[in-house]
Amino acid sequence: MAQRVKLRILVIDDDEDICLYLKEFLTREGFRVTTVTKPLDALPEIKEGRHQVVLLDVRMPDVDGVQLLQEIRAIDSDICVIIMTAYPSVESAVDTMKADAFDYLRKPFELEQLRQVLQRAVREKGLMIDAEERVNQVLGAKIRQLRKDRALTLKQLANKTALSVSLISQIELGKSAASVSTLRKLATALGVSMSYLFEGV
């Protein structure tokens, strides 16, 4: 049977006590947890493509949580984002749902409520994956981000590597495992080392 990997959760909240509280709870629940108290520090974390779930407080100093959610979506359209707020409103609920938030939790919430939302997210979004699939997804996300950072289209990268557009697309989506030879071609075309591609995998 394939080895199951722990889901990674990113907690974004300017309140350090809440971050610590959630980290302790979620770690006990079997998740791997990263916390961020400065909202803009979250975007590089999202770009790494290592997290499957984000817990996002939408009311933080110096940042609009809805706008931050939209920026997260621009980086990763598929990541599961669960909203937390002590200041619920119809407007913020509608805005976050428009940006494809998975759920909207009003603070303070019971840990059992959070547990149920996470269980539903795992079930509905198919988040429990095996280790090989996870490697493919992380590599694919990194290759896609590198390509975008270099303003290359799929076709341009295909021309540089002599690989097909469809193969590169499948690799970026994590749906196809790339051979060592293919990864070497991609790394060379993107100007990075093979070891860089595997950082954080």
N, C-alpha and C. Protein backbone atom coordinates (compact mmCIF):
# COMPACT_ATOMS: atom_id res chain seq x y z
N MET A 1 0.86 -1.20 0.00
CA MET A 1 0.00 0.00 0.00
C MET A 1 0.88 1.24 0.00
N ALA A 2 0.52 2.25 -0.77
CA ALA A 2 1.31 3.48 -0.84
C ALA A 2 1.31 4.19 0.51
N GLN A 3 2.44 4.80 0.83
CA GLN A 3 2.54 5.54 2.07
C GLN A 3 1.68 6.81 1.99
N ARG A 4 0.91 7.07 3.04
CA ARG A 4 0.10 8.28 3.08
C ARG A 4 0.94 9.39 3.69
N VAL A 5 0.78 10.60 3.20
CA VAL A 5 1.54 11.72 3.73
C VAL A 5 0.62 12.61 4.56
N LYS A 6 1.23 13.31 5.52
CA LYS A 6 0.45 14.23 6.34
C LYS A 6 0.09 15.45 5.51
N LEU A 7 -1.16 15.85 5.59
CA LEU A 7 -1.58 17.07 4.90
C LEU A 7 -0.90 18.27 5.56
N ARG A 8 -0.55 19.22 4.72
CA ARG A 8 0.08 20.45 5.22
C ARG A 8 -0.95 21.57 5.26
N ILE A 9 -0.99 22.24 6.42
CA ILE A 9 -1.92 23.36 6.61
C ILE A 9 -1.12 24.62 6.90
N LEU A 10 -1.50 25.71 6.22
CA LEU A 10 -0.90 27.01 6.46
C LEU A 10 -1.91 27.87 7.19
N VAL A 11 -1.55 28.34 8.39
CA VAL A 11 -2.42 29.21 9.18
C VAL A 11 -1.93 30.65 9.02
N ILE A 12 -2.82 31.53 8.56
CA ILE A 12 -2.48 32.95 8.37
C ILE A 12 -3.34 33.78 9.30
N ASP A 13 -2.72 34.28 10.38
CA ASP A 13 -3.46 35.06 11.37
C ASP A 13 -2.46 35.95 12.10
N ASP A 14 -2.78 37.24 12.26
CA ASP A 14 -1.84 38.16 12.91
C ASP A 14 -1.76 37.93 14.41
N ASP A 15 -2.68 37.16 14.98
CA ASP A 15 -2.69 36.86 16.42
C ASP A 15 -1.80 35.64 16.70
N GLU A 16 -0.66 35.89 17.34
CA GLU A 16 0.30 34.80 17.59
C GLU A 16 -0.29 33.73 18.50
N ASP A 17 -1.12 34.13 19.45
CA ASP A 17 -1.73 33.14 20.37
C ASP A 17 -2.65 32.19 19.61
N ILE A 18 -3.43 32.73 18.69
CA ILE A 18 -4.32 31.88 17.89
C ILE A 18 -3.50 30.94 17.02
N CYS A 19 -2.42 31.46 16.42
CA CYS A 19 -1.54 30.61 15.60
C CYS A 19 -0.99 29.45 16.41
N LEU A 20 -0.52 29.75 17.62
CA LEU A 20 0.05 28.70 18.47
C LEU A 20 -1.03 27.70 18.87
N TYR A 21 -2.20 28.20 19.24
CA TYR A 21 -3.32 27.35 19.65
C TYR A 21 -3.72 26.40 18.52
N LEU A 22 -3.88 26.95 17.32
CA LEU A 22 -4.27 26.13 16.18
C LEU A 22 -3.17 25.15 15.79
N LYS A 23 -1.91 25.60 15.88
CA LYS A 23 -0.80 24.71 15.52
C LYS A 23 -0.77 23.50 16.44
N GLU A 24 -0.94 23.74 17.74
CA GLU A 24 -0.92 22.62 18.70
C GLU A 24 -2.07 21.65 18.42
N PHE A 25 -3.25 22.19 18.18
CA PHE A 25 -4.42 21.34 17.91
C PHE A 25 -4.25 20.56 16.62
N LEU A 26 -3.88 21.25 15.56
CA LEU A 26 -3.79 20.60 14.24
C LEU A 26 -2.65 19.59 14.18
N THR A 27 -1.56 19.87 14.90
CA THR A 27 -0.46 18.91 14.96
C THR A 27 -0.92 17.63 15.66
N ARG A 28 -1.67 17.78 16.74
CA ARG A 28 -2.22 16.60 17.44
C ARG A 28 -3.17 15.83 16.53
N GLU A 29 -3.84 16.54 15.63
CA GLU A 29 -4.77 15.90 14.70
C GLU A 29 -4.05 15.18 13.56
N GLY A 30 -2.72 15.35 13.49
CA GLY A 30 -1.95 14.62 12.47
C GLY A 30 -1.57 15.43 11.24
N PHE A 31 -1.76 16.76 11.32
CA PHE A 31 -1.39 17.61 10.18
C PHE A 31 0.02 18.19 10.39
N ARG A 32 0.63 18.60 9.29
CA ARG A 32 1.88 19.36 9.37
C ARG A 32 1.51 20.83 9.21
N VAL A 33 1.88 21.65 10.17
CA VAL A 33 1.36 23.00 10.25
C VAL A 33 2.46 24.05 10.17
N THR A 34 2.21 25.07 9.35
CA THR A 34 3.05 26.26 9.29
C THR A 34 2.17 27.45 9.64
N THR A 35 2.68 28.36 10.48
CA THR A 35 1.90 29.54 10.83
C THR A 35 2.61 30.80 10.34
N VAL A 36 1.81 31.77 9.93
CA VAL A 36 2.32 33.05 9.44
C VAL A 36 1.53 34.16 10.12
N THR A 37 2.23 35.09 10.80
CA THR A 37 1.53 36.20 11.46
C THR A 37 1.60 37.49 10.64
N LYS A 38 2.47 37.51 9.64
CA LYS A 38 2.53 38.65 8.73
C LYS A 38 1.94 38.19 7.40
N PRO A 39 0.74 38.67 7.08
CA PRO A 39 -0.01 38.14 5.93
C PRO A 39 0.76 38.06 4.63
N LEU A 40 1.57 39.08 4.32
CA LEU A 40 2.26 39.06 3.03
C LEU A 40 3.36 38.01 2.97
N ASP A 41 3.79 37.52 4.16
CA ASP A 41 4.77 36.42 4.18
C ASP A 41 4.13 35.12 3.72
N ALA A 42 2.80 35.11 3.64
CA ALA A 42 2.11 33.87 3.24
C ALA A 42 2.25 33.59 1.76
N LEU A 43 2.38 34.63 0.94
CA LEU A 43 2.39 34.42 -0.51
C LEU A 43 3.58 33.57 -0.97
N PRO A 44 4.82 33.81 -0.46
CA PRO A 44 5.92 32.92 -0.83
C PRO A 44 5.67 31.47 -0.41
N GLU A 45 4.99 31.30 0.73
CA GLU A 45 4.65 29.94 1.18
C GLU A 45 3.70 29.28 0.19
N ILE A 46 2.72 30.03 -0.29
CA ILE A 46 1.77 29.50 -1.26
C ILE A 46 2.49 29.13 -2.55
N LYS A 47 3.43 29.97 -2.97
CA LYS A 47 4.17 29.73 -4.21
C LYS A 47 4.97 28.43 -4.16
N GLU A 48 5.38 28.04 -2.95
CA GLU A 48 6.14 26.79 -2.81
C GLU A 48 5.29 25.57 -3.17
N GLY A 49 3.98 25.72 -3.07
CA GLY A 49 3.07 24.63 -3.46
C GLY A 49 3.08 23.44 -2.53
N ARG A 50 3.47 23.66 -1.26
CA ARG A 50 3.59 22.53 -0.32
C ARG A 50 2.34 22.32 0.53
N HIS A 51 1.44 23.30 0.56
CA HIS A 51 0.28 23.21 1.44
C HIS A 51 -0.98 22.84 0.65
N GLN A 52 -1.83 22.06 1.31
CA GLN A 52 -3.10 21.69 0.68
C GLN A 52 -4.27 22.51 1.24
N VAL A 53 -4.09 23.04 2.47
CA VAL A 53 -5.17 23.78 3.14
C VAL A 53 -4.62 25.07 3.73
N VAL A 54 -5.40 26.14 3.61
CA VAL A 54 -5.05 27.42 4.24
C VAL A 54 -6.18 27.82 5.17
N LEU A 55 -5.82 28.17 6.42
CA LEU A 55 -6.77 28.78 7.35
C LEU A 55 -6.45 30.27 7.36
N LEU A 56 -7.37 31.10 6.89
CA LEU A 56 -7.09 32.52 6.65
C LEU A 56 -8.02 33.41 7.45
N ASP A 57 -7.41 34.25 8.32
CA ASP A 57 -8.17 35.29 9.00
C ASP A 57 -8.34 36.45 8.03
N VAL A 58 -9.56 36.93 7.85
CA VAL A 58 -9.77 37.96 6.82
C VAL A 58 -9.69 39.39 7.36
N ARG A 59 -9.53 39.53 8.68
CA ARG A 59 -9.42 40.89 9.22
C ARG A 59 -8.09 41.01 9.96
N MET A 60 -7.11 41.57 9.27
CA MET A 60 -5.77 41.74 9.83
C MET A 60 -5.28 43.15 9.53
N PRO A 61 -4.37 43.68 10.36
CA PRO A 61 -3.87 45.04 10.12
C PRO A 61 -3.14 45.14 8.78
N ASP A 62 -3.33 46.24 8.10
CA ASP A 62 -2.58 46.58 6.88
C ASP A 62 -2.87 45.69 5.69
N VAL A 63 -3.84 44.79 5.79
CA VAL A 63 -4.14 43.95 4.63
C VAL A 63 -5.63 43.61 4.60
N ASP A 64 -6.17 43.61 3.42
CA ASP A 64 -7.56 43.20 3.22
C ASP A 64 -7.57 41.69 2.97
N GLY A 65 -8.24 40.97 3.87
CA GLY A 65 -8.22 39.51 3.79
C GLY A 65 -8.81 38.98 2.50
N VAL A 66 -9.85 39.64 2.00
CA VAL A 66 -10.47 39.21 0.75
C VAL A 66 -9.49 39.39 -0.41
N GLN A 67 -8.77 40.52 -0.40
CA GLN A 67 -7.78 40.76 -1.44
C GLN A 67 -6.64 39.73 -1.35
N LEU A 68 -6.23 39.42 -0.11
CA LEU A 68 -5.19 38.41 0.07
C LEU A 68 -5.66 37.06 -0.47
N LEU A 69 -6.92 36.73 -0.22
CA LEU A 69 -7.48 35.48 -0.75
C LEU A 69 -7.42 35.49 -2.28
N GLN A 70 -7.74 36.62 -2.88
CA GLN A 70 -7.68 36.72 -4.34
C GLN A 70 -6.25 36.55 -4.86
N GLU A 71 -5.28 37.08 -4.10
CA GLU A 71 -3.87 36.92 -4.48
C GLU A 71 -3.43 35.46 -4.34
N ILE A 72 -3.93 34.80 -3.30
CA ILE A 72 -3.65 33.38 -3.12
C ILE A 72 -4.22 32.59 -4.31
N ARG A 73 -5.44 32.94 -4.70
CA ARG A 73 -6.09 32.27 -5.83
C ARG A 73 -5.31 32.49 -7.12
N ALA A 74 -4.72 33.67 -7.28
CA ALA A 74 -3.93 33.95 -8.50
C ALA A 74 -2.70 33.04 -8.57
N ILE A 75 -2.19 32.64 -7.40
CA ILE A 75 -1.02 31.76 -7.34
C ILE A 75 -1.45 30.30 -7.46
N ASP A 76 -2.50 29.94 -6.72
CA ASP A 76 -2.96 28.54 -6.68
C ASP A 76 -4.48 28.52 -6.68
N SER A 77 -5.05 28.19 -7.82
CA SER A 77 -6.52 28.23 -7.96
C SER A 77 -7.21 27.06 -7.28
N ASP A 78 -6.43 26.04 -6.85
CA ASP A 78 -7.04 24.82 -6.35
C ASP A 78 -6.91 24.63 -4.84
N ILE A 79 -6.01 25.38 -4.19
CA ILE A 79 -5.76 25.17 -2.77
C ILE A 79 -7.03 25.42 -1.96
N CYS A 80 -7.25 24.61 -0.93
CA CYS A 80 -8.44 24.70 -0.10
C CYS A 80 -8.26 25.80 0.94
N VAL A 81 -9.08 26.86 0.87
CA VAL A 81 -8.97 27.98 1.80
C VAL A 81 -10.20 28.03 2.68
N ILE A 82 -9.96 28.00 4.00
CA ILE A 82 -11.03 28.10 4.99
C ILE A 82 -10.89 29.44 5.70
N ILE A 83 -11.96 30.23 5.66
CA ILE A 83 -11.93 31.58 6.22
C ILE A 83 -12.25 31.55 7.71
N MET A 84 -11.52 32.37 8.49
CA MET A 84 -11.82 32.56 9.91
C MET A 84 -12.01 34.05 10.14
N THR A 85 -13.03 34.43 10.90
CA THR A 85 -13.20 35.85 11.19
C THR A 85 -13.98 36.06 12.48
N ALA A 86 -13.54 37.06 13.25
CA ALA A 86 -14.27 37.47 14.45
C ALA A 86 -15.28 38.55 14.11
N TYR A 87 -15.25 38.99 12.86
CA TYR A 87 -16.15 40.07 12.42
C TYR A 87 -16.92 39.63 11.18
N PRO A 88 -17.80 38.65 11.35
CA PRO A 88 -18.52 38.13 10.18
C PRO A 88 -19.49 39.16 9.62
N SER A 89 -19.64 39.13 8.32
CA SER A 89 -20.64 39.97 7.66
C SER A 89 -21.08 39.27 6.39
N VAL A 90 -22.26 39.61 5.95
CA VAL A 90 -22.77 39.02 4.71
C VAL A 90 -21.84 39.38 3.56
N GLU A 91 -21.38 40.64 3.56
CA GLU A 91 -20.52 41.09 2.46
C GLU A 91 -19.22 40.29 2.38
N SER A 92 -18.54 40.12 3.53
CA SER A 92 -17.27 39.38 3.49
C SER A 92 -17.50 37.91 3.18
N ALA A 93 -18.62 37.37 3.66
CA ALA A 93 -18.93 35.97 3.35
C ALA A 93 -19.14 35.78 1.86
N VAL A 94 -19.90 36.70 1.26
CA VAL A 94 -20.16 36.61 -0.18
C VAL A 94 -18.87 36.80 -0.97
N ASP A 95 -18.04 37.79 -0.57
CA ASP A 95 -16.80 38.07 -1.29
C ASP A 95 -15.83 36.89 -1.24
N THR A 96 -15.73 36.26 -0.06
CA THR A 96 -14.80 35.13 0.06
C THR A 96 -15.32 33.91 -0.68
N MET A 97 -16.64 33.72 -0.68
CA MET A 97 -17.19 32.59 -1.41
C MET A 97 -17.03 32.78 -2.92
N LYS A 98 -17.12 34.04 -3.37
CA LYS A 98 -16.87 34.32 -4.78
C LYS A 98 -15.45 33.94 -5.18
N ALA A 99 -14.53 34.08 -4.22
CA ALA A 99 -13.13 33.71 -4.47
C ALA A 99 -12.89 32.25 -4.13
N ASP A 100 -13.98 31.48 -4.04
CA ASP A 100 -13.91 30.02 -3.89
C ASP A 100 -13.34 29.58 -2.55
N ALA A 101 -13.71 30.31 -1.47
CA ALA A 101 -13.37 29.82 -0.13
C ALA A 101 -14.17 28.54 0.13
N PHE A 102 -13.57 27.60 0.84
CA PHE A 102 -14.25 26.32 1.08
C PHE A 102 -15.30 26.45 2.18
N ASP A 103 -14.97 27.25 3.22
CA ASP A 103 -15.91 27.43 4.31
C ASP A 103 -15.60 28.76 5.01
N TYR A 104 -16.50 29.16 5.90
CA TYR A 104 -16.44 30.47 6.55
C TYR A 104 -16.74 30.26 8.02
N LEU A 105 -15.71 30.31 8.87
CA LEU A 105 -15.88 30.03 10.30
C LEU A 105 -15.88 31.32 11.11
N ARG A 106 -16.85 31.43 11.98
CA ARG A 106 -16.92 32.61 12.85
C ARG A 106 -16.15 32.35 14.14
N LYS A 107 -15.21 33.24 14.46
CA LYS A 107 -14.47 33.13 15.72
C LYS A 107 -15.33 33.69 16.87
N PRO A 108 -15.19 33.13 18.06
CA PRO A 108 -14.42 31.91 18.35
C PRO A 108 -15.23 30.68 17.94
N PHE A 109 -14.56 29.71 17.36
CA PHE A 109 -15.26 28.49 16.95
C PHE A 109 -14.77 27.32 17.80
N GLU A 110 -15.60 26.34 17.90
CA GLU A 110 -15.23 25.12 18.63
C GLU A 110 -14.24 24.32 17.78
N LEU A 111 -13.27 23.71 18.43
CA LEU A 111 -12.29 22.89 17.69
C LEU A 111 -12.98 21.74 16.97
N GLU A 112 -14.05 21.24 17.54
CA GLU A 112 -14.79 20.16 16.88
C GLU A 112 -15.38 20.65 15.56
N GLN A 113 -15.80 21.92 15.54
CA GLN A 113 -16.33 22.49 14.30
C GLN A 113 -15.24 22.54 13.23
N LEU A 114 -14.05 22.97 13.63
CA LEU A 114 -12.92 23.02 12.69
C LEU A 114 -12.57 21.61 12.22
N ARG A 115 -12.58 20.66 13.15
CA ARG A 115 -12.26 19.27 12.79
C ARG A 115 -13.23 18.75 11.73
N GLN A 116 -14.52 19.06 11.90
CA GLN A 116 -15.52 18.59 10.94
C GLN A 116 -15.34 19.25 9.56
N VAL A 117 -15.01 20.54 9.56
CA VAL A 117 -14.77 21.24 8.28
C VAL A 117 -13.57 20.62 7.56
N LEU A 118 -12.51 20.33 8.31
CA LEU A 118 -11.32 19.74 7.70
C LEU A 118 -11.61 18.33 7.18
N GLN A 119 -12.37 17.56 7.94
CA GLN A 119 -12.74 16.21 7.48
C GLN A 119 -13.54 16.29 6.19
N ARG A 120 -14.43 17.28 6.11
CA ARG A 120 -15.24 17.46 4.89
C ARG A 120 -14.36 17.89 3.72
N ALA A 121 -13.38 18.76 4.02
CA ALA A 121 -12.47 19.21 2.96
C ALA A 121 -11.66 18.04 2.41
N VAL A 122 -11.16 17.20 3.31
CA VAL A 122 -10.40 16.02 2.89
C VAL A 122 -11.25 15.13 2.01
N ARG A 123 -12.50 14.94 2.41
CA ARG A 123 -13.41 14.04 1.69
C ARG A 123 -13.83 14.64 0.34
N GLU A 124 -14.27 15.90 0.36
CA GLU A 124 -14.84 16.49 -0.85
C GLU A 124 -13.78 16.89 -1.87
N LYS A 125 -12.60 17.29 -1.39
CA LYS A 125 -11.57 17.75 -2.32
C LYS A 125 -10.52 16.67 -2.60
N GLY A 126 -10.73 15.47 -2.02
CA GLY A 126 -9.81 14.37 -2.30
C GLY A 126 -8.39 14.68 -1.88
N LEU A 127 -8.23 15.24 -0.66
CA LEU A 127 -6.91 15.72 -0.25
C LEU A 127 -5.96 14.62 0.23
N MET A 128 -6.51 13.47 0.63
CA MET A 128 -5.60 12.41 1.09
C MET A 128 -4.99 11.72 -0.13
N ILE A 129 -3.71 11.94 -0.31
CA ILE A 129 -3.01 11.40 -1.47
C ILE A 129 -1.78 10.63 -1.00
N ASP A 130 -1.23 9.81 -1.87
CA ASP A 130 -0.04 9.08 -1.45
C ASP A 130 1.21 9.90 -1.74
N ALA A 131 2.33 9.39 -1.20
CA ALA A 131 3.58 10.15 -1.25
C ALA A 131 4.04 10.43 -2.68
N GLU A 132 3.88 9.46 -3.58
CA GLU A 132 4.32 9.65 -4.96
C GLU A 132 3.52 10.76 -5.65
N GLU A 133 2.21 10.75 -5.41
CA GLU A 133 1.37 11.80 -5.99
C GLU A 133 1.78 13.17 -5.46
N ARG A 134 2.10 13.21 -4.17
CA ARG A 134 2.48 14.49 -3.55
C ARG A 134 3.76 15.03 -4.18
N VAL A 135 4.74 14.14 -4.40
CA VAL A 135 5.99 14.56 -5.05
C VAL A 135 5.69 15.14 -6.42
N ASN A 136 4.84 14.45 -7.19
CA ASN A 136 4.48 14.93 -8.52
C ASN A 136 3.83 16.32 -8.45
N GLN A 137 2.96 16.52 -7.46
CA GLN A 137 2.26 17.80 -7.33
C GLN A 137 3.22 18.93 -6.96
N VAL A 138 4.13 18.66 -6.02
CA VAL A 138 5.07 19.70 -5.59
C VAL A 138 6.02 20.06 -6.73
N LEU A 139 6.54 19.05 -7.41
CA LEU A 139 7.43 19.31 -8.55
C LEU A 139 6.70 20.09 -9.64
N GLY A 140 5.47 19.67 -9.93
CA GLY A 140 4.69 20.33 -10.97
C GLY A 140 4.43 21.79 -10.65
N ALA A 141 4.06 22.05 -9.38
CA ALA A 141 3.79 23.44 -8.96
C ALA A 141 5.04 24.28 -9.06
N LYS A 142 6.18 23.69 -8.70
CA LYS A 142 7.44 24.46 -8.75
C LYS A 142 7.83 24.76 -10.20
N ILE A 143 7.68 23.78 -11.07
CA ILE A 143 8.01 23.99 -12.49
C ILE A 143 7.09 25.04 -13.10
N ARG A 144 5.80 24.96 -12.79
CA ARG A 144 4.85 25.94 -13.31
C ARG A 144 5.20 27.36 -12.84
N GLN A 145 5.55 27.48 -11.53
CA GLN A 145 5.89 28.80 -11.00
C GLN A 145 7.16 29.34 -11.63
N LEU A 146 8.17 28.48 -11.81
CA LEU A 146 9.41 28.91 -12.46
C LEU A 146 9.14 29.38 -13.89
N ARG A 147 8.29 28.64 -14.59
CA ARG A 147 7.96 29.02 -15.97
C ARG A 147 7.28 30.38 -16.00
N LYS A 148 6.33 30.59 -15.08
CA LYS A 148 5.62 31.86 -15.04
C LYS A 148 6.54 33.00 -14.64
N ASP A 149 7.44 32.74 -13.67
CA ASP A 149 8.40 33.77 -13.24
C ASP A 149 9.28 34.22 -14.41
N ARG A 150 9.52 33.32 -15.35
CA ARG A 150 10.37 33.63 -16.50
C ARG A 150 9.55 34.06 -17.72
N ALA A 151 8.25 34.24 -17.49
CA ALA A 151 7.33 34.71 -18.55
C ALA A 151 7.38 33.83 -19.79
N LEU A 152 7.45 32.51 -19.55
CA LEU A 152 7.47 31.56 -20.65
C LEU A 152 6.10 30.91 -20.81
N THR A 153 5.65 30.75 -22.04
CA THR A 153 4.43 29.98 -22.29
C THR A 153 4.80 28.50 -22.30
N LEU A 154 3.78 27.67 -22.23
CA LEU A 154 4.03 26.22 -22.34
C LEU A 154 4.73 25.90 -23.67
N LYS A 155 4.29 26.55 -24.73
CA LYS A 155 4.87 26.29 -26.05
C LYS A 155 6.34 26.71 -26.09
N GLN A 156 6.66 27.84 -25.48
CA GLN A 156 8.06 28.29 -25.47
C GLN A 156 8.94 27.33 -24.68
N LEU A 157 8.42 26.84 -23.54
CA LEU A 157 9.19 25.88 -22.76
C LEU A 157 9.33 24.57 -23.51
N ALA A 158 8.28 24.17 -24.22
CA ALA A 158 8.35 22.95 -25.03
C ALA A 158 9.42 23.08 -26.11
N ASN A 159 9.50 24.25 -26.74
CA ASN A 159 10.53 24.47 -27.78
C ASN A 159 11.93 24.41 -27.20
N LYS A 160 12.10 24.92 -25.98
CA LYS A 160 13.43 24.93 -25.35
C LYS A 160 13.89 23.53 -24.94
N THR A 161 12.92 22.65 -24.64
CA THR A 161 13.25 21.34 -24.09
C THR A 161 13.06 20.18 -25.07
N ALA A 162 12.42 20.46 -26.21
CA ALA A 162 12.05 19.42 -27.17
C ALA A 162 11.08 18.41 -26.55
N LEU A 163 10.30 18.90 -25.56
CA LEU A 163 9.24 18.08 -24.96
C LEU A 163 7.90 18.58 -25.50
N SER A 164 6.89 17.76 -25.42
CA SER A 164 5.58 18.18 -25.93
C SER A 164 4.89 19.10 -24.93
N VAL A 165 4.05 19.98 -25.46
CA VAL A 165 3.26 20.88 -24.61
C VAL A 165 2.39 20.07 -23.66
N SER A 166 1.77 19.01 -24.18
CA SER A 166 0.86 18.22 -23.35
C SER A 166 1.60 17.54 -22.20
N LEU A 167 2.83 17.06 -22.44
CA LEU A 167 3.59 16.41 -21.38
C LEU A 167 3.94 17.42 -20.29
N ILE A 168 4.41 18.60 -20.70
CA ILE A 168 4.77 19.62 -19.70
C ILE A 168 3.54 20.03 -18.91
N SER A 169 2.41 20.16 -19.58
CA SER A 169 1.17 20.52 -18.90
C SER A 169 0.79 19.47 -17.87
N GLN A 170 0.90 18.19 -18.25
CA GLN A 170 0.57 17.10 -17.33
C GLN A 170 1.51 17.10 -16.13
N ILE A 171 2.80 17.38 -16.37
CA ILE A 171 3.78 17.44 -15.28
C ILE A 171 3.44 18.59 -14.34
N GLU A 172 3.14 19.76 -14.90
CA GLU A 172 2.81 20.93 -14.08
C GLU A 172 1.57 20.70 -13.23
N LEU A 173 0.62 19.95 -13.75
CA LEU A 173 -0.60 19.65 -13.01
C LEU A 173 -0.42 18.51 -12.00
N GLY A 174 0.78 17.91 -12.00
CA GLY A 174 1.05 16.80 -11.09
C GLY A 174 0.39 15.51 -11.49
N LYS A 175 -0.06 15.45 -12.75
CA LYS A 175 -0.77 14.25 -13.22
C LYS A 175 0.14 13.26 -13.91
N SER A 176 1.39 13.67 -14.13
CA SER A 176 2.34 12.78 -14.79
C SER A 176 3.68 12.85 -14.08
N ALA A 177 4.29 11.69 -13.86
CA ALA A 177 5.60 11.65 -13.24
C ALA A 177 6.67 11.86 -14.31
N ALA A 178 7.54 12.82 -14.06
CA ALA A 178 8.59 13.13 -15.02
C ALA A 178 9.81 12.24 -14.80
N SER A 179 10.41 11.78 -15.88
CA SER A 179 11.64 10.99 -15.76
C SER A 179 12.79 11.92 -15.37
N VAL A 180 13.89 11.34 -14.93
CA VAL A 180 15.08 12.13 -14.58
C VAL A 180 15.56 12.93 -15.78
N SER A 181 15.54 12.30 -16.95
CA SER A 181 15.96 12.97 -18.17
C SER A 181 15.08 14.19 -18.48
N THR A 182 13.76 14.01 -18.32
CA THR A 182 12.83 15.10 -18.56
C THR A 182 13.04 16.23 -17.56
N LEU A 183 13.22 15.88 -16.28
CA LEU A 183 13.45 16.90 -15.26
C LEU A 183 14.73 17.67 -15.52
N ARG A 184 15.76 16.97 -16.02
CA ARG A 184 17.03 17.65 -16.32
C ARG A 184 16.84 18.67 -17.44
N LYS A 185 16.07 18.28 -18.46
CA LYS A 185 15.80 19.22 -19.57
C LYS A 185 15.04 20.45 -19.07
N LEU A 186 14.04 20.21 -18.22
CA LEU A 186 13.25 21.31 -17.70
C LEU A 186 14.09 22.22 -16.80
N ALA A 187 14.89 21.61 -15.93
CA ALA A 187 15.73 22.40 -15.02
C ALA A 187 16.70 23.28 -15.83
N THR A 188 17.31 22.70 -16.85
CA THR A 188 18.27 23.45 -17.69
C THR A 188 17.57 24.61 -18.38
N ALA A 189 16.39 24.34 -18.95
CA ALA A 189 15.65 25.38 -19.67
C ALA A 189 15.19 26.50 -18.73
N LEU A 190 14.93 26.14 -17.47
CA LEU A 190 14.44 27.13 -16.50
C LEU A 190 15.58 27.78 -15.72
N GLY A 191 16.81 27.31 -15.97
CA GLY A 191 17.98 27.93 -15.35
C GLY A 191 18.16 27.61 -13.87
N VAL A 192 17.73 26.41 -13.47
CA VAL A 192 17.90 25.99 -12.07
C VAL A 192 18.56 24.61 -12.03
N SER A 193 19.03 24.24 -10.86
CA SER A 193 19.64 22.91 -10.69
C SER A 193 18.56 21.87 -10.44
N MET A 194 18.92 20.62 -10.68
CA MET A 194 18.00 19.52 -10.38
C MET A 194 17.68 19.51 -8.87
N SER A 195 18.68 19.77 -8.04
CA SER A 195 18.47 19.74 -6.58
C SER A 195 17.47 20.80 -6.16
N TYR A 196 17.46 21.95 -6.87
CA TYR A 196 16.52 23.02 -6.53
C TYR A 196 15.08 22.53 -6.71
N LEU A 197 14.84 21.78 -7.76
CA LEU A 197 13.48 21.29 -8.02
C LEU A 197 12.98 20.42 -6.87
N PHE A 198 13.91 19.73 -6.19
CA PHE A 198 13.49 18.79 -5.15
C PHE A 198 13.52 19.39 -3.75
N GLU A 199 13.90 20.66 -3.64
CA GLU A 199 13.89 21.31 -2.33
C GLU A 199 12.47 21.37 -1.79
N GLY A 200 12.29 20.94 -0.55
CA GLY A 200 10.97 21.00 0.08
C GLY A 200 10.04 19.88 -0.31
N VAL A 201 10.51 18.94 -1.15
CA VAL A 201 9.65 17.82 -1.57
C VAL A 201 9.60 16.79 -0.46
